[in-house]
PDB file of all heavy atoms in Angstrom:
ATOM      1  N   PRO A   1      18.022  12.404   8.708  1.00  0.00           N
ATOM      2  CA  PRO A   1      19.190  11.708   8.153  1.00  0.00           C
ATOM      3  C   PRO A   1      20.357  12.685   8.034  1.00  0.00           C
ATOM      4  O   PRO A   1      20.242  13.731   7.398  1.00  0.00           O
ATOM      5  CB  PRO A   1      18.714  11.244   6.768  1.00  0.00           C
ATOM      6  CG  PRO A   1      17.241  11.471   6.741  1.00  0.00           C
ATOM      7  CD  PRO A   1      16.944  12.541   7.727  1.00  0.00           C
ATOM      8  N   ARG A   2      21.485  12.325   8.627  1.00  0.00           N
ATOM      9  CA  ARG A   2      22.596  13.272   8.645  1.00  0.00           C
ATOM     10  C   ARG A   2      23.230  13.460   7.270  1.00  0.00           C
ATOM     11  O   ARG A   2      23.895  14.467   7.035  1.00  0.00           O
ATOM     12  CB  ARG A   2      23.633  12.828   9.683  1.00  0.00           C
ATOM     13  CG  ARG A   2      23.170  13.105  11.108  1.00  0.00           C
ATOM     14  CD  ARG A   2      24.257  12.866  12.114  1.00  0.00           C
ATOM     15  NE  ARG A   2      24.497  11.443  12.295  1.00  0.00           N
ATOM     16  CZ  ARG A   2      25.523  10.948  12.996  1.00  0.00           C
ATOM     17  NH1 ARG A   2      26.401  11.760  13.530  1.00  0.00           N
ATOM     18  NH2 ARG A   2      25.660   9.645  13.141  1.00  0.00           N
ATOM     19  N   ASN A   3      23.030  12.523   6.351  1.00  0.00           N
ATOM     20  CA  ASN A   3      23.540  12.728   5.006  1.00  0.00           C
ATOM     21  C   ASN A   3      22.801  13.848   4.273  1.00  0.00           C
ATOM     22  O   ASN A   3      23.307  14.398   3.293  1.00  0.00           O
ATOM     23  CB  ASN A   3      23.432  11.446   4.172  1.00  0.00           C
ATOM     24  CG  ASN A   3      24.420  10.390   4.603  1.00  0.00           C
ATOM     25  OD1 ASN A   3      24.076   9.509   5.389  1.00  0.00           O
ATOM     26  ND2 ASN A   3      25.648  10.469   4.125  1.00  0.00           N
ATOM     27  N   PHE A   4      21.602  14.188   4.748  1.00  0.00           N
ATOM     28  CA  PHE A   4      20.807  15.233   4.104  1.00  0.00           C
ATOM     29  C   PHE A   4      20.636  16.457   4.999  1.00  0.00           C
ATOM     30  O   PHE A   4      20.495  17.568   4.500  1.00  0.00           O
ATOM     31  CB  PHE A   4      19.428  14.690   3.726  1.00  0.00           C
ATOM     32  CG  PHE A   4      19.464  13.609   2.688  1.00  0.00           C
ATOM     33  CD1 PHE A   4      19.414  12.269   3.060  1.00  0.00           C
ATOM     34  CD2 PHE A   4      19.557  13.913   1.343  1.00  0.00           C
ATOM     35  CE1 PHE A   4      19.440  11.253   2.112  1.00  0.00           C
ATOM     36  CE2 PHE A   4      19.588  12.905   0.378  1.00  0.00           C
ATOM     37  CZ  PHE A   4      19.538  11.570   0.764  1.00  0.00           C
ATOM     38  N   GLY A   5      20.590  16.259   6.318  1.00  0.00           N
ATOM     39  CA  GLY A   5      20.420  17.378   7.237  1.00  0.00           C
ATOM     40  C   GLY A   5      18.995  17.843   7.403  1.00  0.00           C
ATOM     41  O   GLY A   5      18.723  18.771   8.165  1.00  0.00           O
ATOM     42  N   ILE A   6      18.047  17.220   6.714  1.00  0.00           N
ATOM     43  CA  ILE A   6      16.629  17.543   6.834  1.00  0.00           C
ATOM     44  C   ILE A   6      15.833  16.240   6.817  1.00  0.00           C
ATOM     45  O   ILE A   6      16.314  15.221   6.315  1.00  0.00           O
ATOM     46  CB  ILE A   6      16.136  18.453   5.692  1.00  0.00           C
ATOM     47  CG1 ILE A   6      16.520  17.858   4.322  1.00  0.00           C
ATOM     48  CG2 ILE A   6      16.648  19.874   5.839  1.00  0.00           C
ATOM     49  CD1 ILE A   6      15.958  18.629   3.145  1.00  0.00           C
ATOM     50  N   SER A   7      14.626  16.281   7.351  1.00  0.00           N
ATOM     51  CA  SER A   7      13.823  15.067   7.454  1.00  0.00           C
ATOM     52  C   SER A   7      12.901  14.848   6.263  1.00  0.00           C
ATOM     53  O   SER A   7      12.310  13.774   6.141  1.00  0.00           O
ATOM     54  CB  SER A   7      12.988  15.093   8.737  1.00  0.00           C
ATOM     55  OG  SER A   7      12.071  16.176   8.706  1.00  0.00           O
ATOM     56  N   ALA A   8      12.774  15.855   5.397  1.00  0.00           N
ATOM     57  CA  ALA A   8      11.858  15.714   4.262  1.00  0.00           C
ATOM     58  C   ALA A   8      12.250  16.676   3.149  1.00  0.00           C
ATOM     59  O   ALA A   8      12.743  17.775   3.411  1.00  0.00           O
ATOM     60  CB  ALA A   8      10.414  15.990   4.695  1.00  0.00           C
ATOM     61  N   ARG A   9      12.018  16.233   1.922  1.00  0.00           N
ATOM     62  CA  ARG A   9      12.167  17.104   0.762  1.00  0.00           C
ATOM     63  C   ARG A   9      11.357  16.509  -0.386  1.00  0.00           C
ATOM     64  O   ARG A   9      11.045  15.314  -0.392  1.00  0.00           O
ATOM     65  CB  ARG A   9      13.632  17.271   0.365  1.00  0.00           C
ATOM     66  CG  ARG A   9      14.211  16.080  -0.370  1.00  0.00           C
ATOM     67  CD  ARG A   9      15.631  16.330  -0.854  1.00  0.00           C
ATOM     68  NE  ARG A   9      16.063  15.276  -1.759  1.00  0.00           N
ATOM     69  CZ  ARG A   9      17.315  15.105  -2.155  1.00  0.00           C
ATOM     70  NH1 ARG A   9      18.271  15.908  -1.717  1.00  0.00           N
ATOM     71  NH2 ARG A   9      17.613  14.130  -3.002  1.00  0.00           N
ATOM     72  N   LEU A  10      11.039  17.329  -1.380  1.00  0.00           N
ATOM     73  CA  LEU A  10      10.248  16.863  -2.518  1.00  0.00           C
ATOM     74  C   LEU A  10      11.082  16.045  -3.497  1.00  0.00           C
ATOM     75  O   LEU A  10      10.581  15.091  -4.092  1.00  0.00           O
ATOM     76  CB  LEU A  10       9.630  18.053  -3.251  1.00  0.00           C
ATOM     77  CG  LEU A  10       8.569  18.842  -2.481  1.00  0.00           C
ATOM     78  CD1 LEU A  10       8.136  20.057  -3.276  1.00  0.00           C
ATOM     79  CD2 LEU A  10       7.365  17.956  -2.151  1.00  0.00           C
ATOM     80  N   GLY A  11      12.351  16.398  -3.704  1.00  0.00           N
ATOM     81  CA  GLY A  11      13.155  15.729  -4.706  1.00  0.00           C
ATOM     82  C   GLY A  11      12.681  16.083  -6.108  1.00  0.00           C
ATOM     83  O   GLY A  11      11.834  16.964  -6.308  1.00  0.00           O
ATOM     84  N   GLU A  12      13.244  15.402  -7.088  1.00  0.00           N
ATOM     85  CA  GLU A  12      12.830  15.641  -8.471  1.00  0.00           C
ATOM     86  C   GLU A  12      11.433  15.049  -8.709  1.00  0.00           C
ATOM     87  O   GLU A  12      11.110  13.988  -8.171  1.00  0.00           O
ATOM     88  CB  GLU A  12      13.828  15.011  -9.432  1.00  0.00           C
ATOM     89  CG  GLU A  12      15.184  15.697  -9.441  1.00  0.00           C
ATOM     90  CD  GLU A  12      15.103  17.134  -9.926  1.00  0.00           C
ATOM     91  OE1 GLU A  12      14.276  17.407 -10.823  1.00  0.00           O
ATOM     92  OE2 GLU A  12      15.840  17.976  -9.380  1.00  0.00           O
ATOM     93  N   PRO A  13      10.620  15.708  -9.510  1.00  0.00           N
ATOM     94  CA  PRO A  13       9.229  15.254  -9.696  1.00  0.00           C
ATOM     95  C   PRO A  13       9.100  13.828 -10.230  1.00  0.00           C
ATOM     96  O   PRO A  13       8.131  13.129  -9.908  1.00  0.00           O
ATOM     97  CB  PRO A  13       8.659  16.266 -10.692  1.00  0.00           C
ATOM     98  CG  PRO A  13       9.526  17.470 -10.552  1.00  0.00           C
ATOM     99  CD  PRO A  13      10.897  16.968 -10.221  1.00  0.00           C
ATOM    100  N   ASP A  14      10.058  13.403 -11.052  1.00  0.00           N
ATOM    101  CA  ASP A  14       9.973  12.061 -11.633  1.00  0.00           C
ATOM    102  C   ASP A  14      10.811  11.035 -10.872  1.00  0.00           C
ATOM    103  O   ASP A  14      10.968   9.905 -11.325  1.00  0.00           O
ATOM    104  CB  ASP A  14      10.399  12.092 -13.102  1.00  0.00           C
ATOM    105  CG  ASP A  14      11.822  12.624 -13.296  1.00  0.00           C
ATOM    106  OD1 ASP A  14      12.392  13.160 -12.320  1.00  0.00           O
ATOM    107  OD2 ASP A  14      12.358  12.501 -14.416  1.00  0.00           O
ATOM    108  N   ALA A  15      11.349  11.420  -9.725  1.00  0.00           N
ATOM    109  CA  ALA A  15      12.184  10.515  -8.925  1.00  0.00           C
ATOM    110  C   ALA A  15      11.331   9.753  -7.922  1.00  0.00           C
ATOM    111  O   ALA A  15      10.209  10.170  -7.585  1.00  0.00           O
ATOM    112  CB  ALA A  15      13.266  11.307  -8.196  1.00  0.00           C
ATOM    113  N   PRO A  16      11.826   8.628  -7.412  1.00  0.00           N
ATOM    114  CA  PRO A  16      11.090   7.911  -6.364  1.00  0.00           C
ATOM    115  C   PRO A  16      10.910   8.779  -5.121  1.00  0.00           C
ATOM    116  O   PRO A  16      11.684   9.709  -4.880  1.00  0.00           O
ATOM    117  CB  PRO A  16      11.983   6.701  -6.068  1.00  0.00           C
ATOM    118  CG  PRO A  16      12.857   6.541  -7.267  1.00  0.00           C
ATOM    119  CD  PRO A  16      13.069   7.920  -7.797  1.00  0.00           C
ATOM    120  N   PHE A  17       9.889   8.441  -4.340  1.00  0.00           N
ATOM    121  CA  PHE A  17       9.658   9.116  -3.063  1.00  0.00           C
ATOM    122  C   PHE A  17       9.664   8.056  -1.971  1.00  0.00           C
ATOM    123  O   PHE A  17       8.874   7.106  -2.002  1.00  0.00           O
ATOM    124  CB  PHE A  17       8.329   9.878  -3.060  1.00  0.00           C
ATOM    125  CG  PHE A  17       8.209  10.844  -1.917  1.00  0.00           C
ATOM    126  CD1 PHE A  17       8.474  12.189  -2.097  1.00  0.00           C
ATOM    127  CD2 PHE A  17       7.857  10.405  -0.641  1.00  0.00           C
ATOM    128  CE1 PHE A  17       8.390  13.096  -1.039  1.00  0.00           C
ATOM    129  CE2 PHE A  17       7.767  11.295   0.421  1.00  0.00           C
ATOM    130  CZ  PHE A  17       8.032  12.643   0.221  1.00  0.00           C
ATOM    131  N   VAL A  18      10.562   8.220  -0.990  1.00  0.00           N
ATOM    132  CA  VAL A  18      10.711   7.283   0.110  1.00  0.00           C
ATOM    133  C   VAL A  18       9.938   7.818   1.310  1.00  0.00           C
ATOM    134  O   VAL A  18      10.157   8.956   1.744  1.00  0.00           O
ATOM    135  CB  VAL A  18      12.199   7.110   0.493  1.00  0.00           C
ATOM    136  CG1 VAL A  18      12.344   6.123   1.647  1.00  0.00           C
ATOM    137  CG2 VAL A  18      13.012   6.657  -0.721  1.00  0.00           C
ATOM    138  N   VAL A  19       9.039   7.007   1.847  1.00  0.00           N
ATOM    139  CA  VAL A  19       8.259   7.462   2.992  1.00  0.00           C
ATOM    140  C   VAL A  19       8.336   6.424   4.112  1.00  0.00           C
ATOM    141  O   VAL A  19       8.203   5.220   3.881  1.00  0.00           O
ATOM    142  CB  VAL A  19       6.782   7.738   2.592  1.00  0.00           C
ATOM    143  CG1 VAL A  19       6.089   6.489   2.055  1.00  0.00           C
ATOM    144  CG2 VAL A  19       5.991   8.306   3.771  1.00  0.00           C
ATOM    145  N   GLU A  20       8.594   6.911   5.304  1.00  0.00           N
ATOM    146  CA  GLU A  20       8.539   6.048   6.485  1.00  0.00           C
ATOM    147  C   GLU A  20       7.069   5.761   6.775  1.00  0.00           C
ATOM    148  O   GLU A  20       6.283   6.679   7.020  1.00  0.00           O
ATOM    149  CB  GLU A  20       9.199   6.747   7.673  1.00  0.00           C
ATOM    150  CG  GLU A  20       9.207   5.915   8.930  1.00  0.00           C
ATOM    151  CD  GLU A  20      10.034   6.537  10.042  1.00  0.00           C
ATOM    152  OE1 GLU A  20      11.050   7.192   9.748  1.00  0.00           O
ATOM    153  OE2 GLU A  20       9.648   6.353  11.209  1.00  0.00           O
ATOM    154  N   ALA A  21       6.709   4.495   6.733  1.00  0.00           N
ATOM    155  CA  ALA A  21       5.298   4.096   6.753  1.00  0.00           C
ATOM    156  C   ALA A  21       4.922   3.593   8.144  1.00  0.00           C
ATOM    157  O   ALA A  21       5.168   2.443   8.496  1.00  0.00           O
ATOM    158  CB  ALA A  21       5.044   3.022   5.697  1.00  0.00           C
ATOM    159  N   ASP A  22       4.288   4.460   8.895  1.00  0.00           N
ATOM    160  CA  ASP A  22       3.961   4.203  10.290  1.00  0.00           C
ATOM    161  C   ASP A  22       2.592   3.544  10.408  1.00  0.00           C
ATOM    162  O   ASP A  22       1.640   3.937   9.738  1.00  0.00           O
ATOM    163  CB  ASP A  22       3.977   5.545  11.027  1.00  0.00           C
ATOM    164  CG  ASP A  22       3.738   5.424  12.509  1.00  0.00           C
ATOM    165  OD1 ASP A  22       3.748   4.297  13.027  1.00  0.00           O
ATOM    166  OD2 ASP A  22       3.540   6.471  13.152  1.00  0.00           O
ATOM    167  N   GLU A  23       2.502   2.557  11.305  1.00  0.00           N
ATOM    168  CA  GLU A  23       1.239   1.869  11.517  1.00  0.00           C
ATOM    169  C   GLU A  23       0.348   2.559  12.542  1.00  0.00           C
ATOM    170  O   GLU A  23      -0.779   2.109  12.810  1.00  0.00           O
ATOM    171  CB  GLU A  23       1.476   0.414  11.942  1.00  0.00           C
ATOM    172  CG  GLU A  23       2.059   0.214  13.337  1.00  0.00           C
ATOM    173  CD  GLU A  23       3.569   0.212  13.369  1.00  0.00           C
ATOM    174  OE1 GLU A  23       4.195   0.812  12.458  1.00  0.00           O
ATOM    175  OE2 GLU A  23       4.149  -0.365  14.311  1.00  0.00           O
ATOM    176  N   TYR A  24       0.830   3.632  13.161  1.00  0.00           N
ATOM    177  CA  TYR A  24       0.006   4.352  14.130  1.00  0.00           C
ATOM    178  C   TYR A  24      -1.201   4.953  13.426  1.00  0.00           C
ATOM    179  O   TYR A  24      -1.177   5.199  12.214  1.00  0.00           O
ATOM    180  CB  TYR A  24       0.834   5.445  14.807  1.00  0.00           C
ATOM    181  CG  TYR A  24       0.401   5.740  16.214  1.00  0.00           C
ATOM    182  CD1 TYR A  24       0.835   4.950  17.272  1.00  0.00           C
ATOM    183  CD2 TYR A  24      -0.447   6.799  16.499  1.00  0.00           C
ATOM    184  CE1 TYR A  24       0.436   5.207  18.570  1.00  0.00           C
ATOM    185  CE2 TYR A  24      -0.855   7.070  17.792  1.00  0.00           C
ATOM    186  CZ  TYR A  24      -0.411   6.272  18.821  1.00  0.00           C
ATOM    187  OH  TYR A  24      -0.816   6.518  20.104  1.00  0.00           O
ATOM    188  N   ASP A  25      -2.264   5.229  14.174  1.00  0.00           N
ATOM    189  CA  ASP A  25      -3.488   5.686  13.517  1.00  0.00           C
ATOM    190  C   ASP A  25      -3.325   7.099  12.955  1.00  0.00           C
ATOM    191  O   ASP A  25      -2.408   7.840  13.299  1.00  0.00           O
ATOM    192  CB  ASP A  25      -4.711   5.559  14.420  1.00  0.00           C
ATOM    193  CG  ASP A  25      -4.631   6.395  15.685  1.00  0.00           C
ATOM    194  OD1 ASP A  25      -3.682   7.186  15.824  1.00  0.00           O
ATOM    195  OD2 ASP A  25      -5.520   6.248  16.539  1.00  0.00           O
ATOM    196  N   THR A  26      -4.239   7.468  12.056  1.00  0.00           N
ATOM    197  CA  THR A  26      -4.085   8.660  11.224  1.00  0.00           C
ATOM    198  C   THR A  26      -4.487   9.940  11.944  1.00  0.00           C
ATOM    199  O   THR A  26      -3.777  10.945  11.887  1.00  0.00           O
ATOM    200  CB  THR A  26      -4.912   8.487   9.938  1.00  0.00           C
ATOM    201  OG1 THR A  26      -4.416   7.355   9.223  1.00  0.00           O
ATOM    202  CG2 THR A  26      -4.847   9.709   9.057  1.00  0.00           C
ATOM    203  N   ALA A  27      -5.637   9.953  12.594  1.00  0.00           N
ATOM    204  CA  ALA A  27      -6.149  11.146  13.269  1.00  0.00           C
ATOM    205  C   ALA A  27      -7.317  10.745  14.145  1.00  0.00           C
ATOM    206  O   ALA A  27      -7.818   9.619  14.064  1.00  0.00           O
ATOM    207  CB  ALA A  27      -6.585  12.201  12.239  1.00  0.00           C
ATOM    208  N   PHE A  28      -7.800  11.690  14.945  1.00  0.00           N
ATOM    209  CA  PHE A  28      -8.931  11.361  15.824  1.00  0.00           C
ATOM    210  C   PHE A  28     -10.177  11.024  15.016  1.00  0.00           C
ATOM    211  O   PHE A  28     -11.079  10.336  15.503  1.00  0.00           O
ATOM    212  CB  PHE A  28      -9.206  12.497  16.823  1.00  0.00           C
ATOM    213  CG  PHE A  28      -9.857  13.721  16.227  1.00  0.00           C
ATOM    214  CD1 PHE A  28     -11.233  13.799  16.088  1.00  0.00           C
ATOM    215  CD2 PHE A  28      -9.093  14.802  15.821  1.00  0.00           C
ATOM    216  CE1 PHE A  28     -11.840  14.922  15.543  1.00  0.00           C
ATOM    217  CE2 PHE A  28      -9.687  15.932  15.284  1.00  0.00           C
ATOM    218  CZ  PHE A  28     -11.056  15.997  15.141  1.00  0.00           C
ATOM    219  N   PHE A  29     -10.219  11.458  13.748  1.00  0.00           N
ATOM    220  CA  PHE A  29     -11.378  11.190  12.895  1.00  0.00           C
ATOM    221  C   PHE A  29     -11.098  10.110  11.846  1.00  0.00           C
ATOM    222  O   PHE A  29     -11.940   9.823  11.016  1.00  0.00           O
ATOM    223  CB  PHE A  29     -11.823  12.484  12.195  1.00  0.00           C
ATOM    224  CG  PHE A  29     -10.701  13.223  11.516  1.00  0.00           C
ATOM    225  CD1 PHE A  29     -10.324  12.908  10.229  1.00  0.00           C
ATOM    226  CD2 PHE A  29     -10.011  14.222  12.194  1.00  0.00           C
ATOM    227  CE1 PHE A  29      -9.288  13.582   9.602  1.00  0.00           C
ATOM    228  CE2 PHE A  29      -8.973  14.906  11.576  1.00  0.00           C
ATOM    229  CZ  PHE A  29      -8.605  14.582  10.272  1.00  0.00           C
ATOM    230  N   ASP A  30      -9.908   9.514  11.883  1.00  0.00           N
ATOM    231  CA  ASP A  30      -9.544   8.471  10.927  1.00  0.00           C
ATOM    232  C   ASP A  30      -8.634   7.487  11.652  1.00  0.00           C
ATOM    233  O   ASP A  30      -7.446   7.737  11.831  1.00  0.00           O
ATOM    234  CB  ASP A  30      -8.823   9.086   9.722  1.00  0.00           C
ATOM    235  CG  ASP A  30      -8.452   8.054   8.662  1.00  0.00           C
ATOM    236  OD1 ASP A  30      -8.627   6.849   8.898  1.00  0.00           O
ATOM    237  OD2 ASP A  30      -7.967   8.466   7.581  1.00  0.00           O
ATOM    238  N   LYS A  31      -9.206   6.368  12.080  1.00  0.00           N
ATOM    239  CA  LYS A  31      -8.453   5.441  12.938  1.00  0.00           C
ATOM    240  C   LYS A  31      -7.694   4.381  12.149  1.00  0.00           C
ATOM    241  O   LYS A  31      -7.142   3.443  12.724  1.00  0.00           O
ATOM    242  CB  LYS A  31      -9.396   4.775  13.947  1.00  0.00           C
ATOM    243  CG  LYS A  31     -10.220   5.740  14.763  1.00  0.00           C
ATOM    244  CD  LYS A  31      -9.421   6.911  15.341  1.00  0.00           C
ATOM    245  CE  LYS A  31      -8.508   6.515  16.474  1.00  0.00           C
ATOM    246  NZ  LYS A  31      -7.795   7.710  17.021  1.00  0.00           N
ATOM    247  N   ARG A  32      -7.628   4.520  10.833  1.00  0.00           N
ATOM    248  CA  ARG A  32      -6.778   3.625  10.044  1.00  0.00           C
ATOM    249  C   ARG A  32      -5.315   3.988  10.250  1.00  0.00           C
ATOM    250  O   ARG A  32      -4.980   5.133  10.574  1.00  0.00           O
ATOM    251  CB  ARG A  32      -7.129   3.733   8.560  1.00  0.00           C
ATOM    252  CG  ARG A  32      -8.531   3.294   8.195  1.00  0.00           C
ATOM    253  CD  ARG A  32      -8.838   3.643   6.743  1.00  0.00           C
ATOM    254  NE  ARG A  32      -8.863   5.087   6.529  1.00  0.00           N
ATOM    255  CZ  ARG A  32      -8.925   5.651   5.338  1.00  0.00           C
ATOM    256  NH1 ARG A  32      -8.947   4.901   4.245  1.00  0.00           N
ATOM    257  NH2 ARG A  32      -8.973   6.971   5.227  1.00  0.00           N
ATOM    258  N   SER A  33      -4.429   3.003  10.029  1.00  0.00           N
ATOM    259  CA  SER A  33      -2.999   3.303  10.091  1.00  0.00           C
ATOM    260  C   SER A  33      -2.627   4.294   8.996  1.00  0.00           C
ATOM    261  O   SER A  33      -3.176   4.258   7.892  1.00  0.00           O
ATOM    262  CB  SER A  33      -2.185   2.019   9.923  1.00  0.00           C
ATOM    263  OG  SER A  33      -2.307   1.187  11.060  1.00  0.00           O
ATOM    264  N   LYS A  34      -1.664   5.159   9.305  1.00  0.00           N
ATOM    265  CA  LYS A  34      -1.285   6.198   8.341  1.00  0.00           C
ATOM    266  C   LYS A  34      -0.843   5.603   7.011  1.00  0.00           C
ATOM    267  O   LYS A  34      -1.092   6.173   5.952  1.00  0.00           O
ATOM    268  CB  LYS A  34      -0.164   7.068   8.927  1.00  0.00           C
ATOM    269  CG  LYS A  34      -0.595   7.964  10.080  1.00  0.00           C
ATOM    270  CD  LYS A  34       0.347   9.129  10.284  1.00  0.00           C
ATOM    271  CE  LYS A  34       1.699   8.713  10.808  1.00  0.00           C
ATOM    272  NZ  LYS A  34       1.657   8.250  12.200  1.00  0.00           N
ATOM    273  N   PHE A  35      -0.173   4.432   7.067  1.00  0.00           N
ATOM    274  CA  PHE A  35       0.414   3.933   5.822  1.00  0.00           C
ATOM    275  C   PHE A  35      -0.607   3.478   4.781  1.00  0.00           C
ATOM    276  O   PHE A  35      -0.255   3.299   3.616  1.00  0.00           O
ATOM    277  CB  PHE A  35       1.461   2.858   6.074  1.00  0.00           C
ATOM    278  CG  PHE A  35       1.051   1.631   6.873  1.00  0.00           C
ATOM    279  CD1 PHE A  35      -0.201   1.052   6.748  1.00  0.00           C
ATOM    280  CD2 PHE A  35       1.962   1.033   7.728  1.00  0.00           C
ATOM    281  CE1 PHE A  35      -0.553  -0.086   7.449  1.00  0.00           C
ATOM    282  CE2 PHE A  35       1.626  -0.113   8.445  1.00  0.00           C
ATOM    283  CZ  PHE A  35       0.372  -0.675   8.300  1.00  0.00           C
ATOM    284  N   VAL A  36      -1.871   3.303   5.146  1.00  0.00           N
ATOM    285  CA  VAL A  36      -2.843   2.894   4.122  1.00  0.00           C
ATOM    286  C   VAL A  36      -3.130   4.019   3.131  1.00  0.00           C
ATOM    287  O   VAL A  36      -3.709   3.786   2.066  1.00  0.00           O
ATOM    288  CB  VAL A  36      -4.168   2.394   4.743  1.00  0.00           C
ATOM    289  CG1 VAL A  36      -3.922   1.227   5.681  1.00  0.00           C
ATOM    290  CG2 VAL A  36      -4.911   3.509   5.450  1.00  0.00           C
TER     291      VAL A  36
END
């Protein structure tokens, strides 16, 4: 995001966390979608 210049940050500990929730599978050993 160009408003931030980075793709990820922790933010404040008590603040919301926004995550892009991808339906692609998790890993070769976990075939569930990442967002679960």
